[in-house]
């Protein structure tokens, strides 16, 4: 799917239109996407910051774009993200697959969890890509250049620490 398809779906929703009418100062500050290659667990969320109230609301497109308050973990004020991107998620998948091929990673891509964020005025995806055989890839993609900034393969077992009983 194309990013703009999801933006249009958001803009056409009555709950979003009402939200913008009531909160004209609100701005998009992040977006969250789950692209499930094996199942039906894909999701799309768009988060909006209300500067005066210091609150964030998330619109879950898979639930009819219902606005849900977000519990804030940090007091940092989020940056505004651009919403005029024209990329397709298949292009993001191909970018990742090409890098996997270059790194000689033969596993099958199963699920991409991507967060669209802005830092220092640059928009990028930060994400985790789940691959077969309990593997994962930590990734960062610059959306302006469509280049991978960070790419690190991990195994599920890298996160599990096994303590062995010492022999006396």
Protein backbone atom coordinates (compact mmCIF):
# COMPACT_ATOMS: atom_id res chain seq x y z
CA UNK A 1 0.00 0.00 0.00
CA UNK A 2 0.96 3.57 -0.60
CA UNK A 3 1.50 5.98 2.31
CA UNK A 4 -0.86 8.53 0.75
CA UNK A 5 -3.64 5.92 0.64
CA UNK A 6 -3.50 5.75 4.45
CA UNK A 7 -3.35 9.54 4.74
CA UNK A 8 -6.49 9.88 2.58
CA UNK A 9 -8.23 7.22 4.66
CA UNK A 10 -7.40 9.26 7.77
CA UNK A 11 -8.44 12.60 6.23
CA UNK A 12 -11.78 11.13 5.07
CA UNK A 13 -12.71 9.78 8.51
CA UNK A 14 -15.39 11.72 10.41
CA UNK A 15 -13.51 11.37 13.72
CA UNK A 16 -10.37 12.99 12.24
CA UNK A 17 -12.38 15.79 10.63
CA UNK A 18 -14.07 16.52 13.96
CA UNK A 19 -10.71 16.39 15.78
CA UNK A 20 -9.13 18.93 13.39
CA UNK A 21 -12.16 21.20 13.66
CA UNK A 22 -11.88 21.17 17.47
CA UNK A 23 -8.04 21.28 17.51
CA UNK A 24 -6.74 23.36 14.59
CA UNK A 25 -3.28 23.70 16.22
CA UNK A 26 -2.75 19.91 16.33
CA UNK A 27 0.00 18.48 14.16
CA UNK A 28 1.14 15.02 13.07
CA UNK A 29 4.07 13.93 15.22
CA UNK A 30 4.46 10.22 14.46
CA UNK A 31 2.96 7.28 12.66
CA UNK A 32 3.12 3.58 13.37
CA UNK A 33 2.78 0.78 10.85
CA UNK A 34 2.72 -2.98 11.17
CA UNK A 35 3.05 -4.74 7.82
CA UNK A 36 2.28 -8.42 8.38
CA UNK A 37 3.47 -10.56 5.47
CA UNK A 38 2.11 -13.85 6.84
CA UNK A 39 -1.15 -12.92 8.54
CA UNK A 40 -3.81 -10.31 8.92
CA UNK A 41 -2.20 -8.30 11.72
CA UNK A 42 -1.37 -5.14 9.74
CA UNK A 43 -2.00 -1.82 11.51
CA UNK A 44 -1.72 1.88 10.79
CA UNK A 45 -1.77 4.59 13.47
CA UNK A 46 -1.23 8.33 13.12
CA UNK A 47 -0.36 10.38 16.20
CA UNK A 48 -1.18 14.06 16.65
CA UNK A 49 0.20 16.46 19.24
CA UNK A 50 -1.92 19.17 20.85
CA UNK A 51 0.64 21.83 21.91
CA UNK A 52 -1.64 23.84 24.24
CA UNK A 53 -2.89 20.80 26.15
CA UNK A 54 0.42 18.88 25.91
CA UNK A 55 -1.54 15.78 24.91
CA UNK A 56 -1.24 13.25 22.14
CA UNK A 57 -3.98 11.38 20.30
CA UNK A 58 -3.58 8.36 18.07
CA UNK A 59 -5.89 7.52 15.18
CA UNK A 60 -6.09 3.77 14.62
CA UNK A 61 -7.09 3.25 11.01
CA UNK A 62 -7.87 -0.43 11.54
CA UNK A 63 -10.56 0.69 14.05
CA UNK A 64 -12.26 3.25 11.82
CA UNK A 65 -9.78 6.05 12.67
CA UNK A 66 -11.02 6.35 16.21
CA UNK A 67 -9.06 8.97 18.22
CA UNK A 68 -7.50 7.49 21.35
CA UNK A 69 -5.53 9.45 23.97
CA UNK A 70 -1.90 8.35 24.27
CA UNK A 71 -0.26 8.03 27.65
CA UNK A 72 2.97 10.02 27.53
CA UNK A 73 6.14 8.43 28.80
CA UNK A 74 8.39 11.44 28.26
CA UNK A 75 7.90 15.15 28.71
CA UNK A 76 9.75 15.85 25.46
CA UNK A 77 7.71 17.78 22.92
CA UNK A 78 7.50 15.75 19.72
CA UNK A 79 8.57 17.21 16.39
CA UNK A 80 6.19 17.66 13.51
CA UNK A 81 6.44 15.02 10.77
CA UNK A 82 5.72 15.60 7.12
CA UNK A 83 2.74 13.77 5.69
CA UNK A 84 3.32 14.35 1.98
CA UNK A 85 5.41 11.24 1.33
CA UNK A 86 4.59 9.19 -1.75
CA UNK A 87 6.43 5.94 -0.99
CA UNK A 88 4.85 2.51 -1.13
CA UNK A 89 5.42 -0.01 1.65
CA UNK A 90 6.43 -2.53 -1.03
CA UNK A 91 9.35 -0.17 -1.81
CA UNK A 92 10.36 -0.17 1.86
CA UNK A 93 10.18 -3.97 1.88
CA UNK A 94 12.31 -4.13 -1.30
CA UNK A 95 14.88 -1.77 0.24
CA UNK A 96 15.14 -4.05 3.28
CA UNK A 97 15.21 -7.22 1.16
CA UNK A 98 17.99 -5.81 -1.02
CA UNK A 99 20.06 -5.06 2.10
CA UNK A 100 19.34 -8.54 3.45
CA UNK A 101 20.60 -10.00 0.15
CA UNK A 102 23.72 -7.82 0.32
CA UNK A 103 24.36 -9.00 3.89
CA UNK A 104 23.67 -12.60 2.76
CA UNK A 105 20.72 -12.99 5.11
CA UNK A 106 18.65 -15.83 3.64
CA UNK A 107 15.74 -15.66 6.11
CA UNK A 108 12.22 -14.81 4.93
CA UNK A 109 10.79 -11.41 5.86
CA UNK A 110 7.66 -11.94 7.99
CA UNK A 111 6.64 -8.67 9.63
CA UNK A 112 7.78 -5.04 9.61
CA UNK A 113 7.06 -2.77 12.55
CA UNK A 114 7.89 0.80 11.54
CA UNK A 115 7.60 4.08 13.41
CA UNK A 116 7.70 7.31 11.39
CA UNK A 117 9.46 9.97 13.45
CA UNK A 118 11.21 13.28 13.05
CA UNK A 119 14.43 14.32 14.73
CA UNK A 120 16.31 17.51 13.99
CA UNK A 121 13.91 18.20 11.12
CA UNK A 122 14.59 14.88 9.35
CA UNK A 123 11.87 12.26 8.89
CA UNK A 124 12.82 8.62 9.16
CA UNK A 125 11.50 5.16 9.96
CA UNK A 126 12.81 3.36 13.00
CA UNK A 127 11.76 -0.21 13.12
CA UNK A 128 12.07 -3.87 13.76
CA UNK A 129 11.76 -6.41 10.99
CA UNK A 130 10.93 -9.96 12.03
CA UNK A 131 12.41 -12.65 9.84
CA UNK A 132 12.15 -16.44 9.83
CA UNK A 133 14.03 -18.63 12.30
CA UNK A 134 13.33 -16.24 15.18
CA UNK A 135 15.50 -13.50 13.72
CA UNK A 136 15.01 -9.77 13.70
CA UNK A 137 16.59 -6.74 12.14
CA UNK A 138 16.80 -3.34 13.81
CA UNK A 139 16.56 -0.70 11.11
CA UNK A 140 16.52 3.04 10.50
CA UNK A 141 15.60 4.50 7.09
CA UNK A 142 15.99 8.12 5.96
CA UNK A 143 12.73 8.85 4.12
CA UNK A 144 14.06 11.77 2.10
CA UNK A 145 16.88 9.79 0.50
CA UNK A 146 15.21 6.36 0.94
CA UNK A 147 18.50 5.01 2.29
CA UNK A 148 19.08 2.65 5.18
CA UNK A 149 20.98 4.44 7.97
CA UNK A 150 21.21 1.58 10.48
CA UNK A 151 20.87 -2.14 9.90
CA UNK A 152 21.59 -4.75 12.56
CA UNK A 153 20.55 -8.39 12.52
CA UNK A 154 19.72 -9.96 15.85
CA UNK A 155 18.42 -13.29 17.01
CA UNK A 156 15.68 -13.77 19.56
CA UNK A 157 18.25 -15.67 21.57
CA UNK A 158 20.46 -12.55 21.75
CA UNK A 159 17.85 -11.15 24.14
CA UNK A 160 17.66 -14.19 26.38
CA UNK A 161 20.33 -14.51 29.03
CA UNK A 162 20.72 -17.99 30.37
CA UNK A 163 22.26 -18.29 33.81
CA UNK A 164 24.12 -21.47 34.42
CA UNK A 165 24.59 -22.95 37.83
CA UNK A 166 28.24 -22.79 38.83
CA UNK A 167 29.92 -26.04 39.81
CA UNK A 168 31.77 -25.84 43.11
